[in-house]
Protein backbone atom coordinates (compact mmCIF):
# COMPACT_ATOMS: atom_id res chain seq x y z
CA UNK A 1 0.00 0.00 0.00
CA UNK A 2 1.49 3.36 -0.96
CA UNK A 3 2.37 5.77 1.79
CA UNK A 4 0.86 9.17 2.36
CA UNK A 5 3.78 10.88 0.57
CA UNK A 6 3.29 8.79 -2.57
CA UNK A 7 -0.39 9.71 -2.63
CA UNK A 8 0.45 13.41 -2.31
CA UNK A 9 2.92 13.16 -5.20
CA UNK A 10 0.40 11.32 -7.38
CA UNK A 11 -2.28 13.89 -6.54
CA UNK A 12 0.13 16.71 -7.41
CA UNK A 13 0.90 15.15 -10.77
CA UNK A 14 -2.78 14.67 -11.59
CA UNK A 15 -3.64 18.24 -10.55
CA UNK A 16 -0.78 19.74 -12.56
CA UNK A 17 -1.77 17.78 -15.66
CA UNK A 18 -5.41 18.75 -15.26
CA UNK A 19 -4.49 22.42 -14.82
CA UNK A 20 -2.30 22.48 -17.92
CA UNK A 21 -4.86 20.58 -19.99
CA UNK A 22 -7.61 22.89 -18.75
CA UNK A 23 -5.55 25.94 -19.68
CA UNK A 24 -5.02 24.58 -23.19
CA UNK A 25 -8.71 23.87 -23.64
CA UNK A 26 -9.63 27.29 -22.28
CA UNK A 27 -7.24 29.02 -24.67
CA UNK A 28 -8.71 27.03 -27.55
CA UNK A 29 -12.23 28.05 -26.50
CA UNK A 30 -11.16 31.70 -26.52
CA UNK A 31 -9.80 31.07 -30.04
CA UNK A 32 -6.24 32.02 -29.14
CA UNK A 33 -5.33 29.00 -31.26
CA UNK A 34 -7.32 26.35 -33.11
CA UNK A 35 -8.76 23.16 -31.65
CA UNK A 36 -6.49 21.11 -33.90
CA UNK A 37 -3.46 22.79 -32.35
CA UNK A 38 -4.96 22.30 -28.88
CA UNK A 39 -5.36 18.56 -29.53
CA UNK A 40 -1.77 18.40 -30.73
CA UNK A 41 -0.57 20.23 -27.61
CA UNK A 42 -2.59 17.89 -25.37
CA UNK A 43 -1.05 14.86 -27.09
CA UNK A 44 2.41 16.35 -26.58
CA UNK A 45 1.66 17.09 -22.92
CA UNK A 46 0.45 13.55 -22.36
CA UNK A 47 3.54 12.14 -24.08
CA UNK A 48 5.75 14.36 -21.92
CA UNK A 49 4.14 13.10 -18.71
CA UNK A 50 4.38 9.44 -19.79
CA UNK A 51 7.96 9.88 -21.02
CA UNK A 52 9.21 11.50 -17.84
CA UNK A 53 7.33 8.93 -15.76
CA UNK A 54 8.97 6.12 -17.73
CA UNK A 55 12.40 7.66 -17.21
CA UNK A 56 11.80 7.90 -13.46
CA UNK A 57 10.71 4.25 -13.30
CA UNK A 58 13.78 3.11 -15.26
CA UNK A 59 16.07 5.25 -13.09
CA UNK A 60 14.64 3.75 -9.90
CA UNK A 61 14.92 0.23 -11.34
CA UNK A 62 18.57 0.73 -12.31
CA UNK A 63 19.27 2.25 -8.88
CA UNK A 64 17.92 -0.91 -7.23
CA UNK A 65 20.22 -3.08 -9.34
CA UNK A 66 23.35 -1.45 -7.93
C-alpha atoms as a PDB file:
ATOM      1  CA  UNK A   1       0.000   0.000   0.000  1.00  0.00           C
ATOM      2  CA  UNK A   2       1.489   3.356  -0.959  1.00  0.00           C
ATOM      3  CA  UNK A   3       2.367   5.775   1.793  1.00  0.00           C
ATOM      4  CA  UNK A   4       0.864   9.169   2.363  1.00  0.00           C
ATOM      5  CA  UNK A   5       3.780  10.877   0.574  1.00  0.00           C
ATOM      6  CA  UNK A   6       3.288   8.786  -2.570  1.00  0.00           C
ATOM      7  CA  UNK A   7      -0.391   9.706  -2.633  1.00  0.00           C
ATOM      8  CA  UNK A   8       0.449  13.408  -2.314  1.00  0.00           C
ATOM      9  CA  UNK A   9       2.919  13.159  -5.200  1.00  0.00           C
ATOM     10  CA  UNK A  10       0.399  11.320  -7.376  1.00  0.00           C
ATOM     11  CA  UNK A  11      -2.281  13.891  -6.541  1.00  0.00           C
ATOM     12  CA  UNK A  12       0.128  16.709  -7.407  1.00  0.00           C
ATOM     13  CA  UNK A  13       0.900  15.150 -10.775  1.00  0.00           C
ATOM     14  CA  UNK A  14      -2.780  14.675 -11.586  1.00  0.00           C
ATOM     15  CA  UNK A  15      -3.643  18.236 -10.547  1.00  0.00           C
ATOM     16  CA  UNK A  16      -0.776  19.744 -12.557  1.00  0.00           C
ATOM     17  CA  UNK A  17      -1.769  17.780 -15.664  1.00  0.00           C
ATOM     18  CA  UNK A  18      -5.411  18.752 -15.262  1.00  0.00           C
ATOM     19  CA  UNK A  19      -4.485  22.423 -14.817  1.00  0.00           C
ATOM     20  CA  UNK A  20      -2.295  22.484 -17.921  1.00  0.00           C
ATOM     21  CA  UNK A  21      -4.856  20.584 -19.994  1.00  0.00           C
ATOM     22  CA  UNK A  22      -7.607  22.889 -18.752  1.00  0.00           C
ATOM     23  CA  UNK A  23      -5.554  25.938 -19.677  1.00  0.00           C
ATOM     24  CA  UNK A  24      -5.018  24.576 -23.191  1.00  0.00           C
ATOM     25  CA  UNK A  25      -8.714  23.868 -23.636  1.00  0.00           C
ATOM     26  CA  UNK A  26      -9.630  27.294 -22.280  1.00  0.00           C
ATOM     27  CA  UNK A  27      -7.236  29.024 -24.674  1.00  0.00           C
ATOM     28  CA  UNK A  28      -8.712  27.031 -27.548  1.00  0.00           C
ATOM     29  CA  UNK A  29     -12.231  28.047 -26.497  1.00  0.00           C
ATOM     30  CA  UNK A  30     -11.157  31.704 -26.524  1.00  0.00           C
ATOM     31  CA  UNK A  31      -9.797  31.066 -30.043  1.00  0.00           C
ATOM     32  CA  UNK A  32      -6.240  32.020 -29.142  1.00  0.00           C
ATOM     33  CA  UNK A  33      -5.330  28.999 -31.264  1.00  0.00           C
ATOM     34  CA  UNK A  34      -7.319  26.354 -33.107  1.00  0.00           C
ATOM     35  CA  UNK A  35      -8.762  23.160 -31.649  1.00  0.00           C
ATOM     36  CA  UNK A  36      -6.489  21.106 -33.899  1.00  0.00           C
ATOM     37  CA  UNK A  37      -3.462  22.791 -32.346  1.00  0.00           C
ATOM     38  CA  UNK A  38      -4.959  22.301 -28.878  1.00  0.00           C
ATOM     39  CA  UNK A  39      -5.357  18.556 -29.534  1.00  0.00           C
ATOM     40  CA  UNK A  40      -1.766  18.395 -30.730  1.00  0.00           C
ATOM     41  CA  UNK A  41      -0.570  20.228 -27.612  1.00  0.00           C
ATOM     42  CA  UNK A  42      -2.592  17.888 -25.371  1.00  0.00           C
ATOM     43  CA  UNK A  43      -1.048  14.861 -27.093  1.00  0.00           C
ATOM     44  CA  UNK A  44       2.408  16.345 -26.581  1.00  0.00           C
ATOM     45  CA  UNK A  45       1.659  17.094 -22.921  1.00  0.00           C
ATOM     46  CA  UNK A  46       0.450  13.553 -22.361  1.00  0.00           C
ATOM     47  CA  UNK A  47       3.541  12.140 -24.078  1.00  0.00           C
ATOM     48  CA  UNK A  48       5.746  14.359 -21.919  1.00  0.00           C
ATOM     49  CA  UNK A  49       4.136  13.099 -18.711  1.00  0.00           C
ATOM     50  CA  UNK A  50       4.384   9.444 -19.791  1.00  0.00           C
ATOM     51  CA  UNK A  51       7.957   9.876 -21.021  1.00  0.00           C
ATOM     52  CA  UNK A  52       9.212  11.497 -17.841  1.00  0.00           C
ATOM     53  CA  UNK A  53       7.331   8.927 -15.755  1.00  0.00           C
ATOM     54  CA  UNK A  54       8.965   6.120 -17.727  1.00  0.00           C
ATOM     55  CA  UNK A  55      12.405   7.656 -17.208  1.00  0.00           C
ATOM     56  CA  UNK A  56      11.804   7.902 -13.460  1.00  0.00           C
ATOM     57  CA  UNK A  57      10.706   4.251 -13.300  1.00  0.00           C
ATOM     58  CA  UNK A  58      13.783   3.112 -15.258  1.00  0.00           C
ATOM     59  CA  UNK A  59      16.074   5.246 -13.092  1.00  0.00           C
ATOM     60  CA  UNK A  60      14.636   3.747  -9.900  1.00  0.00           C
ATOM     61  CA  UNK A  61      14.916   0.225 -11.342  1.00  0.00           C
ATOM     62  CA  UNK A  62      18.567   0.735 -12.306  1.00  0.00           C
ATOM     63  CA  UNK A  63      19.275   2.255  -8.885  1.00  0.00           C
ATOM     64  CA  UNK A  64      17.920  -0.915  -7.225  1.00  0.00           C
ATOM     65  CA  UNK A  65      20.220  -3.079  -9.339  1.00  0.00           C
ATOM     66  CA  UNK A  66      23.354  -1.446  -7.931  1.00  0.00           C
END
